Amino acid sequence: MANNELLKKIELLTEYEAAIEEMKAEAEEIRNDIKAEMEARETEELKIGQYIVRFTNVISSRFDTKRFKEAFGADVYKAFTKEVKSRRFSIA
């Protein structure tokens, strides 16, 4: 692929990504409007047309690595962690 073609693809990609971010922001605004309405109605579930919308509390447990390191030391923490390789793509 020639540099000209590659440059066009990069420009098109950055244009698409900007449009996606704009749409994500708009979708988040709509999502927040729906959540606010559900809170105003004091409900966790709404049946609207063919949709069921839920806005519920979820309780989850997560491992606190900071406290684990403080309690048992960084060496023990390192003994139970593993290195994971991945590839990151970015355009700057």
N, C-alpha and C. Protein backbone atom coordinates (compact mmCIF):
# COMPACT_ATOMS: atom_id res chain seq x y z
N MET A 1 0.85 -1.16 0.00
CA MET A 1 0.00 0.00 0.00
C MET A 1 0.90 1.24 0.00
N ALA A 2 0.61 2.17 -0.87
CA ALA A 2 1.41 3.38 -0.97
C ALA A 2 1.13 4.31 0.21
N ASN A 3 2.09 5.19 0.48
CA ASN A 3 1.93 6.13 1.60
C ASN A 3 0.69 7.00 1.44
N ASN A 4 0.38 7.40 0.19
CA ASN A 4 -0.82 8.22 -0.06
C ASN A 4 -2.08 7.47 0.36
N GLU A 5 -2.16 6.21 -0.01
CA GLU A 5 -3.33 5.38 0.35
C GLU A 5 -3.42 5.20 1.87
N LEU A 6 -2.28 4.97 2.48
CA LEU A 6 -2.24 4.77 3.92
C LEU A 6 -2.67 6.05 4.65
N LEU A 7 -2.20 7.19 4.17
CA LEU A 7 -2.58 8.47 4.76
C LEU A 7 -4.09 8.68 4.65
N LYS A 8 -4.68 8.37 3.52
CA LYS A 8 -6.13 8.50 3.34
C LYS A 8 -6.89 7.60 4.30
N LYS A 9 -6.40 6.37 4.48
CA LYS A 9 -7.04 5.44 5.40
C LYS A 9 -6.96 5.95 6.84
N ILE A 10 -5.81 6.49 7.23
CA ILE A 10 -5.65 7.03 8.58
C ILE A 10 -6.58 8.21 8.80
N GLU A 11 -6.67 9.10 7.81
CA GLU A 11 -7.57 10.25 7.92
C GLU A 11 -9.02 9.81 8.02
N LEU A 12 -9.40 8.81 7.22
CA LEU A 12 -10.77 8.30 7.26
C LEU A 12 -11.06 7.65 8.61
N LEU A 13 -10.09 6.89 9.12
CA LEU A 13 -10.24 6.25 10.42
C LEU A 13 -10.43 7.28 11.53
N THR A 14 -9.61 8.33 11.54
CA THR A 14 -9.74 9.36 12.58
C THR A 14 -11.08 10.09 12.46
N GLU A 15 -11.55 10.28 11.25
CA GLU A 15 -12.87 10.90 11.02
C GLU A 15 -13.98 10.01 11.58
N TYR A 16 -13.92 8.73 11.28
CA TYR A 16 -14.92 7.77 11.78
C TYR A 16 -14.88 7.70 13.31
N GLU A 17 -13.69 7.65 13.87
CA GLU A 17 -13.57 7.56 15.33
C GLU A 17 -14.12 8.81 16.01
N ALA A 18 -13.93 9.98 15.41
CA ALA A 18 -14.49 11.21 15.97
C ALA A 18 -16.01 11.16 15.93
N ALA A 19 -16.57 10.66 14.81
CA ALA A 19 -18.02 10.53 14.69
C ALA A 19 -18.57 9.54 15.73
N ILE A 20 -17.85 8.44 15.93
CA ILE A 20 -18.27 7.44 16.91
C ILE A 20 -18.28 8.05 18.31
N GLU A 21 -17.24 8.80 18.67
CA GLU A 21 -17.18 9.43 19.99
C GLU A 21 -18.32 10.41 20.18
N GLU A 22 -18.65 11.15 19.13
CA GLU A 22 -19.77 12.10 19.20
C GLU A 22 -21.08 11.35 19.43
N MET A 23 -21.28 10.26 18.71
CA MET A 23 -22.50 9.47 18.87
C MET A 23 -22.55 8.82 20.25
N LYS A 24 -21.40 8.36 20.75
CA LYS A 24 -21.36 7.77 22.09
C LYS A 24 -21.77 8.81 23.13
N ALA A 25 -21.32 10.05 22.97
CA ALA A 25 -21.67 11.11 23.91
C ALA A 25 -23.17 11.38 23.85
N GLU A 26 -23.73 11.41 22.65
CA GLU A 26 -25.18 11.61 22.51
C GLU A 26 -25.96 10.45 23.12
N ALA A 27 -25.49 9.23 22.90
CA ALA A 27 -26.15 8.05 23.47
C ALA A 27 -26.09 8.10 24.99
N GLU A 28 -24.97 8.55 25.54
CA GLU A 28 -24.84 8.65 27.00
C GLU A 28 -25.82 9.69 27.56
N GLU A 29 -26.02 10.79 26.85
CA GLU A 29 -27.00 11.79 27.27
C GLU A 29 -28.40 11.19 27.31
N ILE A 30 -28.75 10.44 26.27
CA ILE A 30 -30.07 9.79 26.21
C ILE A 30 -30.20 8.79 27.35
N ARG A 31 -29.16 8.00 27.58
CA ARG A 31 -29.15 7.01 28.65
C ARG A 31 -29.38 7.70 30.01
N ASN A 32 -28.70 8.84 30.22
CA ASN A 32 -28.85 9.57 31.47
C ASN A 32 -30.26 10.14 31.62
N ASP A 33 -30.87 10.59 30.51
CA ASP A 33 -32.25 11.07 30.56
C ASP A 33 -33.20 9.96 30.99
N ILE A 34 -33.00 8.77 30.44
CA ILE A 34 -33.85 7.63 30.80
C ILE A 34 -33.66 7.27 32.27
N LYS A 35 -32.42 7.25 32.73
CA LYS A 35 -32.13 6.94 34.13
C LYS A 35 -32.80 7.97 35.05
N ALA A 36 -32.69 9.24 34.68
CA ALA A 36 -33.29 10.30 35.50
C ALA A 36 -34.81 10.13 35.57
N GLU A 37 -35.42 9.76 34.47
CA GLU A 37 -36.87 9.54 34.45
C GLU A 37 -37.24 8.35 35.33
N MET A 38 -36.44 7.30 35.29
CA MET A 38 -36.72 6.13 36.12
C MET A 38 -36.56 6.48 37.60
N GLU A 39 -35.56 7.29 37.93
CA GLU A 39 -35.40 7.73 39.32
C GLU A 39 -36.57 8.60 39.75
N ALA A 40 -37.03 9.48 38.86
CA ALA A 40 -38.17 10.34 39.16
C ALA A 40 -39.43 9.50 39.41
N ARG A 41 -39.57 8.43 38.67
CA ARG A 41 -40.72 7.53 38.84
C ARG A 41 -40.50 6.53 39.98
N GLU A 42 -39.30 6.55 40.54
CA GLU A 42 -38.92 5.64 41.63
C GLU A 42 -39.16 4.18 41.26
N THR A 43 -38.62 3.81 40.10
CA THR A 43 -38.77 2.43 39.64
C THR A 43 -37.44 1.91 39.12
N GLU A 44 -37.26 0.60 39.23
CA GLU A 44 -36.06 -0.04 38.71
C GLU A 44 -36.33 -0.73 37.37
N GLU A 45 -37.60 -0.83 36.99
CA GLU A 45 -37.95 -1.51 35.74
C GLU A 45 -39.12 -0.81 35.09
N LEU A 46 -39.00 -0.58 33.79
CA LEU A 46 -40.06 0.03 33.00
C LEU A 46 -40.35 -0.85 31.79
N LYS A 47 -41.61 -1.02 31.48
CA LYS A 47 -42.00 -1.71 30.25
C LYS A 47 -42.57 -0.65 29.33
N ILE A 48 -41.83 -0.37 28.28
CA ILE A 48 -42.22 0.66 27.31
C ILE A 48 -42.24 0.01 25.94
N GLY A 49 -43.43 -0.09 25.33
CA GLY A 49 -43.53 -0.75 24.03
C GLY A 49 -43.01 -2.16 24.12
N GLN A 50 -42.12 -2.51 23.21
CA GLN A 50 -41.55 -3.86 23.21
C GLN A 50 -40.29 -3.97 24.07
N TYR A 51 -39.96 -2.88 24.81
CA TYR A 51 -38.73 -2.85 25.59
C TYR A 51 -38.99 -2.96 27.08
N ILE A 52 -38.06 -3.60 27.76
CA ILE A 52 -38.03 -3.60 29.21
C ILE A 52 -36.71 -2.95 29.59
N VAL A 53 -36.80 -1.83 30.32
CA VAL A 53 -35.62 -1.08 30.72
C VAL A 53 -35.41 -1.29 32.21
N ARG A 54 -34.20 -1.67 32.59
CA ARG A 54 -33.89 -1.89 33.99
C ARG A 54 -32.74 -0.97 34.42
N PHE A 55 -32.90 -0.40 35.60
CA PHE A 55 -31.85 0.42 36.20
C PHE A 55 -31.79 0.00 37.65
N THR A 56 -30.98 -1.03 37.91
CA THR A 56 -30.97 -1.68 39.22
C THR A 56 -29.63 -1.52 39.92
N ASN A 57 -29.66 -1.69 41.22
CA ASN A 57 -28.43 -1.69 42.01
C ASN A 57 -27.80 -3.07 41.89
N VAL A 58 -26.50 -3.09 41.76
CA VAL A 58 -25.75 -4.34 41.65
C VAL A 58 -24.65 -4.32 42.70
N ILE A 59 -24.54 -5.39 43.45
CA ILE A 59 -23.48 -5.50 44.45
C ILE A 59 -22.48 -6.53 43.94
N SER A 60 -21.21 -6.14 43.91
CA SER A 60 -20.18 -7.06 43.46
C SER A 60 -19.00 -6.99 44.40
N SER A 61 -18.19 -8.01 44.36
CA SER A 61 -16.98 -8.06 45.19
C SER A 61 -15.77 -8.00 44.27
N ARG A 62 -14.82 -7.19 44.65
CA ARG A 62 -13.59 -7.07 43.87
C ARG A 62 -12.39 -7.27 44.78
N PHE A 63 -11.36 -7.81 44.21
CA PHE A 63 -10.14 -8.06 44.97
C PHE A 63 -9.39 -6.76 45.14
N ASP A 64 -9.06 -6.42 46.37
CA ASP A 64 -8.35 -5.18 46.69
C ASP A 64 -6.85 -5.45 46.70
N THR A 65 -6.22 -5.23 45.55
CA THR A 65 -4.79 -5.53 45.43
C THR A 65 -3.94 -4.64 46.31
N LYS A 66 -4.35 -3.39 46.49
CA LYS A 66 -3.56 -2.48 47.32
C LYS A 66 -3.50 -2.98 48.76
N ARG A 67 -4.65 -3.34 49.31
CA ARG A 67 -4.67 -3.86 50.69
C ARG A 67 -3.94 -5.19 50.80
N PHE A 68 -4.06 -6.04 49.76
CA PHE A 68 -3.36 -7.32 49.76
C PHE A 68 -1.85 -7.09 49.83
N LYS A 69 -1.34 -6.16 49.00
CA LYS A 69 0.09 -5.86 49.02
C LYS A 69 0.53 -5.33 50.37
N GLU A 70 -0.31 -4.47 50.97
CA GLU A 70 0.03 -3.92 52.28
C GLU A 70 0.05 -5.00 53.35
N ALA A 71 -0.90 -5.93 53.28
CA ALA A 71 -1.02 -6.97 54.31
C ALA A 71 0.02 -8.08 54.14
N PHE A 72 0.28 -8.48 52.90
CA PHE A 72 1.14 -9.64 52.66
C PHE A 72 2.44 -9.32 51.94
N GLY A 73 2.62 -8.11 51.50
CA GLY A 73 3.85 -7.70 50.83
C GLY A 73 3.78 -7.85 49.32
N ALA A 74 4.56 -7.05 48.67
CA ALA A 74 4.58 -7.03 47.21
C ALA A 74 5.11 -8.34 46.63
N ASP A 75 6.02 -9.01 47.36
CA ASP A 75 6.60 -10.26 46.86
C ASP A 75 5.54 -11.35 46.72
N VAL A 76 4.67 -11.46 47.72
CA VAL A 76 3.60 -12.46 47.65
C VAL A 76 2.65 -12.11 46.52
N TYR A 77 2.35 -10.83 46.38
CA TYR A 77 1.47 -10.38 45.29
C TYR A 77 2.08 -10.76 43.94
N LYS A 78 3.36 -10.48 43.77
CA LYS A 78 4.03 -10.78 42.50
C LYS A 78 4.06 -12.28 42.22
N ALA A 79 4.12 -13.08 43.28
CA ALA A 79 4.16 -14.54 43.11
C ALA A 79 2.85 -15.06 42.51
N PHE A 80 1.76 -14.34 42.68
CA PHE A 80 0.47 -14.79 42.18
C PHE A 80 -0.05 -13.97 41.00
N THR A 81 0.79 -13.16 40.43
CA THR A 81 0.40 -12.42 39.23
C THR A 81 1.14 -13.00 38.04
N LYS A 82 0.57 -12.78 36.87
CA LYS A 82 1.26 -13.25 35.67
C LYS A 82 1.28 -12.13 34.64
N GLU A 83 2.29 -12.16 33.84
CA GLU A 83 2.45 -11.17 32.79
C GLU A 83 1.58 -11.55 31.60
N VAL A 84 0.87 -10.57 31.08
CA VAL A 84 0.00 -10.80 29.93
C VAL A 84 0.46 -9.87 28.82
N LYS A 85 0.70 -10.43 27.66
CA LYS A 85 1.14 -9.62 26.52
C LYS A 85 -0.05 -9.30 25.63
N SER A 86 -0.06 -8.07 25.12
CA SER A 86 -1.07 -7.67 24.16
C SER A 86 -0.45 -6.64 23.23
N ARG A 87 -1.16 -6.31 22.20
CA ARG A 87 -0.69 -5.32 21.26
C ARG A 87 -1.65 -4.15 21.27
N ARG A 88 -1.10 -2.95 21.28
CA ARG A 88 -1.93 -1.75 21.30
C ARG A 88 -1.71 -0.99 20.00
N PHE A 89 -2.82 -0.56 19.40
CA PHE A 89 -2.78 0.20 18.16
C PHE A 89 -3.20 1.62 18.48
N SER A 90 -2.42 2.61 18.05
CA SER A 90 -2.79 4.00 18.28
C SER A 90 -2.28 4.86 17.14
N ILE A 91 -2.96 5.95 16.96
CA ILE A 91 -2.55 6.95 15.96
C ILE A 91 -2.48 8.27 16.68
N ALA A 92 -1.34 8.95 16.60
CA ALA A 92 -1.17 10.23 17.28
C ALA A 92 -0.87 11.32 16.29
